Amino acid sequence: MYQGKKILGLITARGGSKGIPRKNVIDVGGKPLIAWTIEAAKESKLLDRVVLSSDDDEIIQVARLLGCEVPFKRDSWLSGDAASSADVVADCLQRIPGYDYIVLLQPTSPLRSTEDIDSAIKTCIDKKAPACVSVCESEESPYWMYTLQGGGVMVPVINNGYLRRQELPPVYVLNGALYVADVQWFARARGFMSSGTVAYCMPRCRSIDIDVIGDLERVDTELNKSTWR
């Protein structure tokens, strides 16, 4: 709880992963991928409850062994490629009412820390924002990007003249690690992004989102050169 608000942490993990089969339970740094998120969430001082939404029996079993609550099994129609995260969050909030804020935690961001979770919650509530999402500074600037038109003619995505590298303004991208929202607002918006959404900035080293095998290698590199929980 924070500022008198009840906060629900939701970990989402479906079984059908295309890029990396059985991704959510694959070994990362000596434990299942999902363990990193469960452990960080359980250590949070602000989350009142942490639950898992999954359609997969193995993932559910692993989560329970790690001490994560699994109050329901997700319906199959919410676990296909066409299902959105917003639909999964809405399903959870319908099943588990009574909370003021929801925090979506995806297992594919194993380097997100407990401090990140609590800081994002505080950012959202302290700023009285409807939602907060985690971002990191982009490695590529849109100021140097182009579309190709007829005959291969290059047209800048942002027509702002030529800028030297040191003149480029910083730009940020969603890193997939944290999504926080006021529950009543989320029910209307059916998502986390709006004109009032605020950012919680994370360093790139904690912003790796595991999608392909190469991402696992990047995580191993970070774990090998740092002291992690």
C-alpha atoms as a PDB file:
ATOM      1  CA  MET A   1       0.000   0.000   0.000  1.00  0.00           C
ATOM      2  CA  TYR A   2       1.130   3.531  -0.733  1.00  0.00           C
ATOM      3  CA  GLN A   3      -0.626   6.804   0.113  1.00  0.00           C
ATOM      4  CA  GLY A   4      -3.601   4.735   1.249  1.00  0.00           C
ATOM      5  CA  LYS A   5      -3.939   3.014  -2.141  1.00  0.00           C
ATOM      6  CA  LYS A   6      -4.202  -0.763  -2.473  1.00  0.00           C
ATOM      7  CA  ILE A   7      -1.869  -2.031  -5.184  1.00  0.00           C
ATOM      8  CA  LEU A   8      -2.028  -5.316  -7.067  1.00  0.00           C
ATOM      9  CA  GLY A   9       1.005  -6.771  -8.820  1.00  0.00           C
ATOM     10  CA  LEU A  10       0.180  -8.928 -11.841  1.00  0.00           C
ATOM     11  CA  ILE A  11       2.745 -11.234 -13.464  1.00  0.00           C
ATOM     12  CA  THR A  12       1.649 -12.453 -16.891  1.00  0.00           C
ATOM     13  CA  ALA A  13       3.193 -15.559 -18.454  1.00  0.00           C
ATOM     14  CA  ARG A  14       1.620 -17.617 -21.215  1.00  0.00           C
ATOM     15  CA  GLY A  15       2.908 -20.969 -22.348  1.00  0.00           C
ATOM     16  CA  GLY A  16       2.999 -20.435 -26.102  1.00  0.00           C
ATOM     17  CA  SER A  17       6.266 -18.646 -26.829  1.00  0.00           C
ATOM     18  CA  LYS A  18       7.377 -18.659 -30.472  1.00  0.00           C
ATOM     19  CA  GLY A  19      10.845 -17.050 -30.407  1.00  0.00           C
ATOM     20  CA  ILE A  20      12.142 -19.082 -27.442  1.00  0.00           C
ATOM     21  CA  PRO A  21      10.107 -22.231 -26.663  1.00  0.00           C
ATOM     22  CA  ARG A  22       9.112 -22.487 -22.958  1.00  0.00           C
ATOM     23  CA  LYS A  23      10.670 -19.055 -22.492  1.00  0.00           C
ATOM     24  CA  ASN A  24       9.135 -18.215 -19.134  1.00  0.00           C
ATOM     25  CA  VAL A  25      10.674 -21.237 -17.410  1.00  0.00           C
ATOM     26  CA  ILE A  26      13.986 -21.386 -19.283  1.00  0.00           C
ATOM     27  CA  ASP A  27      17.116 -21.203 -17.104  1.00  0.00           C
ATOM     28  CA  VAL A  28      18.511 -17.692 -16.727  1.00  0.00           C
ATOM     29  CA  GLY A  29      21.360 -17.170 -14.290  1.00  0.00           C
ATOM     30  CA  GLY A  30      20.670 -20.471 -12.545  1.00  0.00           C
ATOM     31  CA  LYS A  31      16.903 -20.155 -12.090  1.00  0.00           C
ATOM     32  CA  PRO A  32      13.732 -20.037 -14.198  1.00  0.00           C
ATOM     33  CA  LEU A  33      13.248 -16.768 -16.050  1.00  0.00           C
ATOM     34  CA  ILE A  34       9.990 -16.089 -14.213  1.00  0.00           C
ATOM     35  CA  ALA A  35      11.774 -16.384 -10.851  1.00  0.00           C
ATOM     36  CA  TRP A  36      13.525 -13.038 -11.328  1.00  0.00           C
ATOM     37  CA  THR A  37      10.213 -11.186 -11.573  1.00  0.00           C
ATOM     38  CA  ILE A  38       8.516 -13.140  -8.780  1.00  0.00           C
ATOM     39  CA  GLU A  39      11.393 -12.488  -6.383  1.00  0.00           C
ATOM     40  CA  ALA A  40      11.544  -8.780  -7.182  1.00  0.00           C
ATOM     41  CA  ALA A  41       7.789  -8.411  -6.757  1.00  0.00           C
ATOM     42  CA  LYS A  42       7.696 -10.310  -3.470  1.00  0.00           C
ATOM     43  CA  GLU A  43      10.349  -7.984  -2.040  1.00  0.00           C
ATOM     44  CA  SER A  44       8.307  -4.877  -2.902  1.00  0.00           C
ATOM     45  CA  LYS A  45       7.239  -2.785   0.068  1.00  0.00           C
ATOM     46  CA  LEU A  46       4.312  -1.279  -1.842  1.00  0.00           C
ATOM     47  CA  LEU A  47       2.590  -4.208  -3.565  1.00  0.00           C
ATOM     48  CA  ASP A  48      -0.213  -5.543  -1.383  1.00  0.00           C
ATOM     49  CA  ARG A  49      -0.593  -8.736  -3.374  1.00  0.00           C
ATOM     50  CA  VAL A  50       1.263 -10.436  -6.228  1.00  0.00           C
ATOM     51  CA  VAL A  51      -0.532 -12.904  -8.505  1.00  0.00           C
ATOM     52  CA  LEU A  52       0.227 -14.828 -11.674  1.00  0.00           C
ATOM     53  CA  SER A  53      -1.998 -15.066 -14.739  1.00  0.00           C
ATOM     54  CA  SER A  54      -1.083 -18.046 -16.921  1.00  0.00           C
ATOM     55  CA  ASP A  55      -2.678 -20.717 -19.083  1.00  0.00           C
ATOM     56  CA  ASP A  56       0.221 -23.132 -18.648  1.00  0.00           C
ATOM     57  CA  ASP A  57       0.337 -25.848 -15.962  1.00  0.00           C
ATOM     58  CA  GLU A  58       4.146 -25.998 -15.822  1.00  0.00           C
ATOM     59  CA  ILE A  59       4.488 -22.232 -15.426  1.00  0.00           C
ATOM     60  CA  ILE A  60       1.809 -22.269 -12.724  1.00  0.00           C
ATOM     61  CA  GLN A  61       3.602 -25.067 -10.860  1.00  0.00           C
ATOM     62  CA  VAL A  62       6.959 -23.283 -11.043  1.00  0.00           C
ATOM     63  CA  ALA A  63       5.410 -20.016  -9.856  1.00  0.00           C
ATOM     64  CA  ARG A  64       3.744 -21.683  -6.880  1.00  0.00           C
ATOM     65  CA  LEU A  65       7.005 -23.386  -5.899  1.00  0.00           C
ATOM     66  CA  LEU A  66       8.567 -19.906  -5.926  1.00  0.00           C
ATOM     67  CA  GLY A  67       5.871 -18.627  -3.566  1.00  0.00           C
ATOM     68  CA  CYS A  68       3.736 -16.754  -6.076  1.00  0.00           C
ATOM     69  CA  GLU A  69      -0.026 -16.852  -5.691  1.00  0.00           C
ATOM     70  CA  VAL A  70      -1.997 -18.279  -8.635  1.00  0.00           C
ATOM     71  CA  PRO A  71      -5.676 -17.706  -7.828  1.00  0.00           C
ATOM     72  CA  PHE A  72      -6.966 -18.732 -11.272  1.00  0.00           C
ATOM     73  CA  LYS A  73      -5.936 -20.297 -14.556  1.00  0.00           C
ATOM     74  CA  ARG A  74      -6.167 -17.999 -17.562  1.00  0.00           C
ATOM     75  CA  ASP A  75      -8.681 -18.902 -20.255  1.00  0.00           C
ATOM     76  CA  SER A  76      -7.185 -20.213 -23.492  1.00  0.00           C
ATOM     77  CA  TRP A  77      -8.670 -17.393 -25.588  1.00  0.00           C
ATOM     78  CA  LEU A  78      -6.523 -14.947 -23.602  1.00  0.00           C
ATOM     79  CA  SER A  79      -3.333 -16.854 -24.367  1.00  0.00           C
ATOM     80  CA  GLY A  80      -3.157 -16.827 -28.159  1.00  0.00           C
ATOM     81  CA  ASP A  81      -1.046 -14.564 -30.340  1.00  0.00           C
ATOM     82  CA  ALA A  82      -4.014 -12.249 -30.895  1.00  0.00           C
ATOM     83  CA  ALA A  83      -4.670 -11.653 -27.185  1.00  0.00           C
ATOM     84  CA  SER A  84      -3.484  -8.303 -25.855  1.00  0.00           C
ATOM     85  CA  SER A  85      -1.875  -7.514 -22.508  1.00  0.00           C
ATOM     86  CA  ALA A  86      -4.734  -5.107 -21.860  1.00  0.00           C
ATOM     87  CA  ASP A  87      -7.242  -7.962 -22.188  1.00  0.00           C
ATOM     88  CA  VAL A  88      -5.231 -10.081 -19.739  1.00  0.00           C
ATOM     89  CA  VAL A  89      -5.030  -7.231 -17.226  1.00  0.00           C
ATOM     90  CA  ALA A  90      -8.760  -6.521 -17.551  1.00  0.00           C
ATOM     91  CA  ASP A  91      -9.516 -10.212 -16.982  1.00  0.00           C
ATOM     92  CA  CYS A  92      -7.440 -10.214 -13.791  1.00  0.00           C
ATOM     93  CA  LEU A  93      -9.082  -7.056 -12.451  1.00  0.00           C
ATOM     94  CA  GLN A  94     -12.506  -8.559 -13.063  1.00  0.00           C
ATOM     95  CA  ARG A  95     -11.537 -11.706 -11.169  1.00  0.00           C
ATOM     96  CA  ILE A  96      -9.753  -9.845  -8.348  1.00  0.00           C
ATOM     97  CA  PRO A  97     -11.577  -6.572  -7.561  1.00  0.00           C
ATOM     98  CA  GLY A  98     -10.914  -4.122  -4.755  1.00  0.00           C
ATOM     99  CA  TYR A  99      -7.592  -2.575  -5.776  1.00  0.00           C
ATOM    100  CA  ASP A 100      -6.789   1.046  -6.590  1.00  0.00           C
ATOM    101  CA  TYR A 101      -3.704   0.467  -8.786  1.00  0.00           C
ATOM    102  CA  ILE A 102      -2.491  -2.343 -11.009  1.00  0.00           C
ATOM    103  CA  VAL A 103       1.185  -3.047 -11.760  1.00  0.00           C
ATOM    104  CA  LEU A 104       1.858  -5.246 -14.786  1.00  0.00           C
ATOM    105  CA  LEU A 105       5.135  -7.175 -14.537  1.00  0.00           C
ATOM    106  CA  GLN A 106       6.293  -9.187 -17.550  1.00  0.00           C
ATOM    107  CA  PRO A 107       8.801 -12.005 -16.847  1.00  0.00           C
ATOM    108  CA  THR A 108      10.726 -11.086 -19.994  1.00  0.00           C
ATOM    109  CA  SER A 109      12.363  -8.222 -18.059  1.00  0.00           C
ATOM    110  CA  PRO A 110      14.421 -10.186 -15.516  1.00  0.00           C
ATOM    111  CA  LEU A 111      16.805  -7.362 -14.595  1.00  0.00           C
ATOM    112  CA  ARG A 112      14.084  -5.024 -13.372  1.00  0.00           C
ATOM    113  CA  SER A 113      14.655  -4.534  -9.633  1.00  0.00           C
ATOM    114  CA  THR A 114      12.398  -4.212  -6.612  1.00  0.00           C
ATOM    115  CA  GLU A 115      13.522  -0.590  -6.387  1.00  0.00           C
ATOM    116  CA  ASP A 116      12.321  -0.069  -9.960  1.00  0.00           C
ATOM    117  CA  ILE A 117       8.898  -1.473  -9.075  1.00  0.00           C
ATOM    118  CA  ASP A 118       8.430   0.700  -6.005  1.00  0.00           C
ATOM    119  CA  SER A 119       9.846   3.809  -7.679  1.00  0.00           C
ATOM    120  CA  ALA A 120       7.485   3.474 -10.649  1.00  0.00           C
ATOM    121  CA  ILE A 121       4.519   3.135  -8.286  1.00  0.00           C
ATOM    122  CA  LYS A 122       5.590   6.234  -6.375  1.00  0.00           C
ATOM    123  CA  THR A 123       6.129   8.155  -9.619  1.00  0.00           C
ATOM    124  CA  CYS A 124       2.599   7.391 -10.772  1.00  0.00           C
ATOM    125  CA  ILE A 125       0.842   8.160  -7.495  1.00  0.00           C
ATOM    126  CA  ASP A 126       2.970  11.137  -6.421  1.00  0.00           C
ATOM    127  CA  LYS A 127       2.455  12.818  -9.795  1.00  0.00           C
ATOM    128  CA  LYS A 128      -1.269  12.002  -9.718  1.00  0.00           C
ATOM    129  CA  ALA A 129      -0.884  10.494 -13.185  1.00  0.00           C
ATOM    130  CA  PRO A 130      -3.370   7.962 -14.578  1.00  0.00           C
ATOM    131  CA  ALA A 131      -0.512   5.669 -15.580  1.00  0.00           C
ATOM    132  CA  CYS A 132       3.263   5.271 -15.536  1.00  0.00           C
ATOM    133  CA  VAL A 133       5.400   3.158 -17.886  1.00  0.00           C
ATOM    134  CA  SER A 134       9.085   2.291 -17.755  1.00  0.00           C
ATOM    135  CA  VAL A 135      11.366   3.553 -20.507  1.00  0.00           C
ATOM    136  CA  CYS A 136      15.043   3.699 -21.351  1.00  0.00           C
ATOM    137  CA  GLU A 137      17.002   5.988 -23.608  1.00  0.00           C
ATOM    138  CA  SER A 138      16.945   4.768 -27.200  1.00  0.00           C
ATOM    139  CA  GLU A 139      20.193   3.623 -28.791  1.00  0.00           C
ATOM    140  CA  GLU A 140      19.007   4.882 -32.191  1.00  0.00           C
ATOM    141  CA  SER A 141      17.720   8.400 -32.780  1.00  0.00           C
ATOM    142  CA  PRO A 142      14.675   9.013 -35.008  1.00  0.00           C
ATOM    143  CA  TYR A 143      16.365  12.266 -36.051  1.00  0.00           C
ATOM    144  CA  TRP A 144      18.698  10.141 -38.181  1.00  0.00           C
ATOM    145  CA  MET A 145      16.000   7.870 -39.618  1.00  0.00           C
ATOM    146  CA  TYR A 146      14.486   7.945 -43.104  1.00  0.00           C
ATOM    147  CA  THR A 147      11.691   6.435 -45.128  1.00  0.00           C
ATOM    148  CA  LEU A 148      12.302   5.431 -48.731  1.00  0.00           C
ATOM    149  CA  GLN A 149       9.912   6.698 -51.378  1.00  0.00           C
ATOM    150  CA  GLY A 150       9.695   6.079 -55.120  1.00  0.00           C
ATOM    151  CA  GLY A 151      13.066   5.445 -56.729  1.00  0.00           C
ATOM    152  CA  GLY A 152      14.693   5.033 -53.327  1.00  0.00           C
ATOM    153  CA  VAL A 153      14.459   8.727 -52.462  1.00  0.00           C
ATOM    154  CA  MET A 154      15.295   9.235 -48.791  1.00  0.00           C
ATOM    155  CA  VAL A 155      12.857  11.314 -46.734  1.00  0.00           C
ATOM    156  CA  PRO A 156      13.646  12.099 -43.068  1.00  0.00           C
ATOM    157  CA  VAL A 157      11.157  10.792 -40.527  1.00  0.00           C
ATOM    158  CA  ILE A 158      11.589  14.045 -38.601  1.00  0.00           C
ATOM    159  CA  ASN A 159      12.225  17.039 -40.832  1.00  0.00           C
ATOM    160  CA  ASN A 160      14.331  19.069 -38.460  1.00  0.00           C
ATOM    161  CA  GLY A 161      17.437  19.785 -40.480  1.00  0.00           C
ATOM    162  CA  TYR A 162      20.823  18.172 -39.967  1.00  0.00           C
ATOM    163  CA  LEU A 163      21.871  17.685 -36.366  1.00  0.00           C
ATOM    164  CA  ARG A 164      25.282  16.618 -35.141  1.00  0.00           C
ATOM    165  CA  ARG A 165      25.347  13.727 -32.666  1.00  0.00           C
ATOM    166  CA  GLN A 166      26.058  16.016 -29.723  1.00  0.00           C
ATOM    167  CA  GLU A 167      23.048  18.151 -30.677  1.00  0.00           C
ATOM    168  CA  LEU A 168      20.539  15.300 -30.758  1.00  0.00           C
ATOM    169  CA  PRO A 169      17.889  15.518 -28.028  1.00  0.00           C
ATOM    170  CA  PRO A 170      17.512  12.347 -25.939  1.00  0.00           C
ATOM    171  CA  VAL A 171      14.639  10.093 -27.002  1.00  0.00           C
ATOM    172  CA  TYR A 172      13.105   7.225 -25.046  1.00  0.00           C
ATOM    173  CA  VAL A 173      11.440   3.898 -25.805  1.00  0.00           C
ATOM    174  CA  LEU A 174       9.226   1.587 -23.787  1.00  0.00           C
ATOM    175  CA  ASN A 175      11.345  -1.187 -22.292  1.00  0.00           C
ATOM    176  CA  GLY A 176       8.467  -3.483 -21.272  1.00  0.00           C
ATOM    177  CA  ALA A 177       9.530  -3.811 -17.637  1.00  0.00           C
ATOM    178  CA  LEU A 178       6.825  -1.869 -15.779  1.00  0.00           C
ATOM    179  CA  TYR A 179       3.287  -0.669 -16.373  1.00  0.00           C
ATOM    180  CA  VAL A 180       1.349   1.037 -13.577  1.00  0.00           C
ATOM    181  CA  ALA A 181      -2.202   2.378 -13.797  1.00  0.00           C
ATOM    182  CA  ASP A 182      -5.114   3.608 -11.758  1.00  0.00           C
ATOM    183  CA  VAL A 183      -7.600   0.735 -11.930  1.00  0.00           C
ATOM    184  CA  GLN A 184     -10.679   2.850 -12.667  1.00  0.00           C
ATOM    185  CA  TRP A 185      -8.831   4.777 -15.363  1.00  0.00           C
ATOM    186  CA  PHE A 186      -7.520   1.535 -16.890  1.00  0.00           C
ATOM    187  CA  ALA A 187     -11.058   0.161 -17.106  1.00  0.00           C
ATOM    188  CA  ARG A 188     -11.989   3.123 -19.302  1.00  0.00           C
ATOM    189  CA  ALA A 189      -8.764   3.485 -21.296  1.00  0.00           C
ATOM    190  CA  ARG A 190      -8.138  -0.253 -21.734  1.00  0.00           C
ATOM    191  CA  GLY A 191      -4.412   0.371 -21.817  1.00  0.00           C
ATOM    192  CA  PHE A 192      -1.514   2.215 -20.209  1.00  0.00           C
ATOM    193  CA  MET A 193      -0.692   4.898 -22.764  1.00  0.00           C
ATOM    194  CA  SER A 194      -2.425   8.271 -22.873  1.00  0.00           C
ATOM    195  CA  SER A 195      -1.574  11.951 -23.011  1.00  0.00           C
ATOM    196  CA  GLY A 196      -1.280  11.879 -19.207  1.00  0.00           C
ATOM    197  CA  THR A 197       0.986   8.837 -18.903  1.00  0.00           C
ATOM    198  CA  VAL A 198       4.308   9.589 -17.192  1.00  0.00           C
ATOM    199  CA  ALA A 199       7.652   7.823 -17.595  1.00  0.00           C
ATOM    200  CA  TYR A 200       9.875   6.009 -15.157  1.00  0.00           C
ATOM    201  CA  CYS A 201      13.376   5.960 -16.631  1.00  0.00           C
ATOM    202  CA  MET A 202      15.581   2.898 -16.292  1.00  0.00           C
ATOM    203  CA  PRO A 203      19.167   2.359 -17.462  1.00  0.00           C
ATOM    204  CA  ARG A 204      19.702   0.216 -20.541  1.00  0.00           C
ATOM    205  CA  CYS A 205      21.528  -2.431 -18.518  1.00  0.00           C
ATOM    206  CA  ARG A 206      18.280  -3.248 -16.659  1.00  0.00           C
ATOM    207  CA  SER A 207      16.047  -2.768 -19.691  1.00  0.00           C
ATOM    208  CA  ILE A 208      16.732  -5.968 -21.645  1.00  0.00           C
ATOM    209  CA  ASP A 209      13.456  -7.482 -22.872  1.00  0.00           C
ATOM    210  CA  ILE A 210      13.942 -11.156 -23.702  1.00  0.00           C
ATOM    211  CA  ASP A 211      12.449 -12.046 -27.068  1.00  0.00           C
ATOM    212  CA  VAL A 212      15.152 -13.998 -28.937  1.00  0.00           C
ATOM    213  CA  ILE A 213      18.182 -16.106 -27.974  1.00  0.00           C
ATOM    214  CA  GLY A 214      20.497 -13.129 -28.389  1.00  0.00           C
ATOM    215  CA  ASP A 215      18.643 -11.352 -25.577  1.00  0.00           C
ATOM    216  CA  LEU A 216      19.440 -14.233 -23.224  1.00  0.00           C
ATOM    217  CA  GLU A 217      23.107 -13.800 -24.044  1.00  0.00           C
ATOM    218  CA  ARG A 218      22.874 -10.076 -23.258  1.00  0.00           C
ATOM    219  CA  VAL A 219      21.303 -10.851 -19.877  1.00  0.00           C
ATOM    220  CA  ASP A 220      24.056 -13.362 -19.092  1.00  0.00           C
ATOM    221  CA  THR A 221      26.626 -10.687 -19.902  1.00  0.00           C
ATOM    222  CA  GLU A 222      24.994  -8.248 -17.467  1.00  0.00           C
ATOM    223  CA  LEU A 223      24.715 -10.889 -14.751  1.00  0.00           C
ATOM    224  CA  ASN A 224      28.368 -11.832 -15.138  1.00  0.00           C
ATOM    225  CA  LYS A 225      29.641  -8.285 -14.761  1.00  0.00           C
ATOM    226  CA  SER A 226      27.297  -7.154 -11.973  1.00  0.00           C
ATOM    227  CA  THR A 227      26.162  -8.246  -8.530  1.00  0.00           C
ATOM    228  CA  TRP A 228      22.469  -9.007  -8.773  1.00  0.00           C
ATOM    229  CA  ARG A 229      20.013 -10.115  -6.123  1.00  0.00           C
END
